[in-house]
Amino acid sequence: MITYRIAEAAEVLAVSDDTVRRWVDAGRIPSRRTDGRTTVTGPDLADLAEQLVESGELAERDRTHAGRVSARNRMSGIVTRVKRDTVMAQVEMICGPYRVVSLMSSDAADELGLEPGVRAIASVKSTNVVVEVPQ
């Protein structure tokens, strides 16, 4: 199972280390001591990220720290849910205050090791996005 140190969890959520420590102390996120360090599991961190987005507590953050790629819309976040069938996978992420959903092949999701709690970067590259509501 994927685990995050306090500093890593804070980076994923774009909050301070102290904020994560307060949440741990308050029991808002389960933790455990591993080799003298406090850690949280990826699925628990993913659950907290979903709660923070729903409550509006997660603030927008800088998304420019990724490597060099032509896509400009890159959002670092955490996988919160993966729904697979034999051909396709629906991957949901929390990226700052945003929920991002990606459809990909199940093989691709498996190769990337995508599961709740995994850190990932959503890259959005599109020339045109149109949303319509029928009359």
Protein backbone atom coordinates (compact mmCIF):
# COMPACT_ATOMS: atom_id res chain seq x y z
CA MET A 1 0.00 0.00 0.00
CA ILE A 2 1.20 3.49 -0.83
CA THR A 3 2.05 5.69 2.15
CA TYR A 4 2.90 9.37 2.41
CA ARG A 5 5.02 11.18 4.98
CA ILE A 6 3.47 14.34 6.45
CA ALA A 7 5.48 16.62 4.14
CA GLU A 8 4.47 14.59 1.07
CA ALA A 9 0.80 14.63 2.08
CA ALA A 10 1.00 18.39 2.58
CA GLU A 11 2.52 18.83 -0.87
CA VAL A 12 -0.21 16.75 -2.50
CA LEU A 13 -2.94 18.78 -0.76
CA ALA A 14 -1.13 22.13 -1.21
CA VAL A 15 -1.27 22.89 2.52
CA SER A 16 1.44 23.28 5.16
CA ASP A 17 3.02 20.39 7.04
CA ASP A 18 1.57 21.88 10.23
CA THR A 19 -1.95 21.74 8.79
CA VAL A 20 -1.60 18.04 8.03
CA ARG A 21 -0.17 17.43 11.52
CA ARG A 22 -3.17 19.22 13.07
CA TRP A 23 -5.54 17.07 11.00
CA VAL A 24 -3.70 13.93 12.15
CA ASP A 25 -3.80 15.06 15.80
CA ALA A 26 -7.52 15.86 15.49
CA GLY A 27 -8.22 12.43 13.98
CA ARG A 28 -9.35 13.90 10.69
CA ILE A 29 -6.97 11.60 8.83
CA PRO A 30 -5.78 8.23 10.15
CA SER A 31 -2.03 7.87 10.55
CA ARG A 32 0.56 5.39 11.73
CA ARG A 33 4.14 5.51 12.90
CA THR A 34 6.53 3.83 10.47
CA ASP A 35 10.28 3.83 11.22
CA GLY A 36 9.81 6.76 13.59
CA ARG A 37 7.86 8.82 11.04
CA THR A 38 4.18 9.59 10.89
CA THR A 39 2.63 8.36 7.66
CA VAL A 40 -0.81 8.28 6.07
CA THR A 41 -2.00 5.75 3.53
CA GLY A 42 -2.75 6.78 -0.04
CA PRO A 43 -6.42 5.76 0.13
CA ASP A 44 -6.91 7.73 3.38
CA LEU A 45 -5.25 10.77 1.79
CA ALA A 46 -7.46 10.38 -1.31
CA ASP A 47 -10.57 10.29 0.91
CA LEU A 48 -9.45 13.44 2.72
CA ALA A 49 -8.76 15.20 -0.62
CA GLU A 50 -12.32 14.44 -1.75
CA GLN A 51 -13.73 15.79 1.53
CA LEU A 52 -11.65 18.96 1.23
CA VAL A 53 -12.82 19.62 -2.33
CA GLU A 54 -16.46 19.00 -1.41
CA SER A 55 -16.21 21.40 1.54
CA GLY A 56 -14.33 24.02 -0.49
CA GLU A 57 -11.31 23.91 1.86
CA LEU A 58 -8.74 22.96 -0.79
CA ALA A 59 -7.26 26.05 -2.44
CA GLU A 60 -6.05 26.43 -6.01
CA ARG A 61 -2.30 26.05 -6.31
CA ASP A 62 0.58 26.47 -8.70
CA ARG A 63 0.73 23.73 -11.33
CA THR A 64 3.94 24.74 -13.08
CA HIS A 65 6.38 22.49 -11.17
CA ALA A 66 6.09 19.56 -13.58
CA GLY A 67 8.69 18.60 -16.18
CA ARG A 68 8.89 20.10 -19.66
CA VAL A 69 5.92 19.18 -21.82
CA SER A 70 3.99 21.05 -24.50
CA ALA A 71 0.71 20.75 -22.60
CA ARG A 72 0.13 23.84 -20.48
CA ASN A 73 -2.80 22.62 -18.45
CA ARG A 74 -1.04 20.29 -16.02
CA MET A 75 -2.57 19.60 -12.66
CA SER A 76 -0.80 17.63 -9.97
CA GLY A 77 -3.08 15.64 -7.72
CA ILE A 78 -4.06 12.34 -6.19
CA VAL A 79 -6.12 9.48 -7.65
CA THR A 80 -9.33 9.04 -5.68
CA ARG A 81 -11.14 6.33 -7.66
CA VAL A 82 -10.49 3.91 -10.52
CA LYS A 83 -13.35 2.03 -12.19
CA ARG A 84 -12.20 -0.69 -14.58
CA ASP A 85 -13.86 -3.10 -16.95
CA THR A 86 -12.17 -5.43 -19.41
CA VAL A 87 -11.38 -2.66 -21.93
CA MET A 88 -11.64 0.80 -20.34
CA ALA A 89 -10.86 2.51 -17.04
CA GLN A 90 -12.35 5.69 -15.58
CA VAL A 91 -9.77 7.42 -13.37
CA GLU A 92 -10.89 10.18 -11.00
CA MET A 93 -8.41 12.60 -9.44
CA ILE A 94 -8.50 15.55 -7.09
CA CYS A 95 -6.16 18.27 -8.37
CA GLY A 96 -6.31 21.23 -6.01
CA PRO A 97 -9.96 22.27 -5.84
CA TYR A 98 -10.77 20.44 -9.07
CA ARG A 99 -12.09 16.96 -9.80
CA VAL A 100 -10.61 15.57 -13.01
CA VAL A 101 -11.89 12.44 -14.74
CA SER A 102 -9.95 10.60 -17.43
CA LEU A 103 -11.01 7.70 -19.61
CA MET A 104 -8.22 5.40 -20.76
CA SER A 105 -7.64 1.76 -21.57
CA SER A 106 -7.56 -0.62 -18.63
CA ASP A 107 -4.11 -1.70 -19.82
CA ALA A 108 -2.84 1.90 -19.55
CA ALA A 109 -4.27 2.29 -16.04
CA ASP A 110 -2.66 -1.00 -15.01
CA GLU A 111 0.73 -0.05 -16.52
CA LEU A 112 0.67 3.26 -14.64
CA GLY A 113 -0.31 1.51 -11.40
CA LEU A 114 -3.28 3.82 -10.92
CA GLU A 115 -5.26 3.17 -7.75
CA PRO A 116 -6.68 5.41 -5.00
CA GLY A 117 -3.90 7.25 -3.22
CA VAL A 118 -1.40 7.34 -6.10
CA ARG A 119 0.06 10.75 -7.00
CA ALA A 120 -0.43 11.65 -10.64
CA ILE A 121 -0.42 14.60 -13.00
CA ALA A 122 -3.40 15.26 -15.25
CA SER A 123 -2.37 16.89 -18.53
CA VAL A 124 -5.18 18.44 -20.53
CA LYS A 125 -4.47 19.35 -24.15
CA SER A 126 -7.39 20.25 -26.33
CA THR A 127 -8.00 22.76 -29.07
CA ASN A 128 -11.71 23.02 -28.35
CA VAL A 129 -14.05 22.01 -25.55
CA VAL A 130 -17.76 22.66 -26.02
CA VAL A 131 -20.47 21.83 -23.49
CA GLU A 132 -24.13 22.12 -24.51
CA VAL A 133 -27.41 21.59 -22.74
CA PRO A 134 -30.37 20.58 -24.92
CA GLN A 135 -33.45 22.84 -24.87
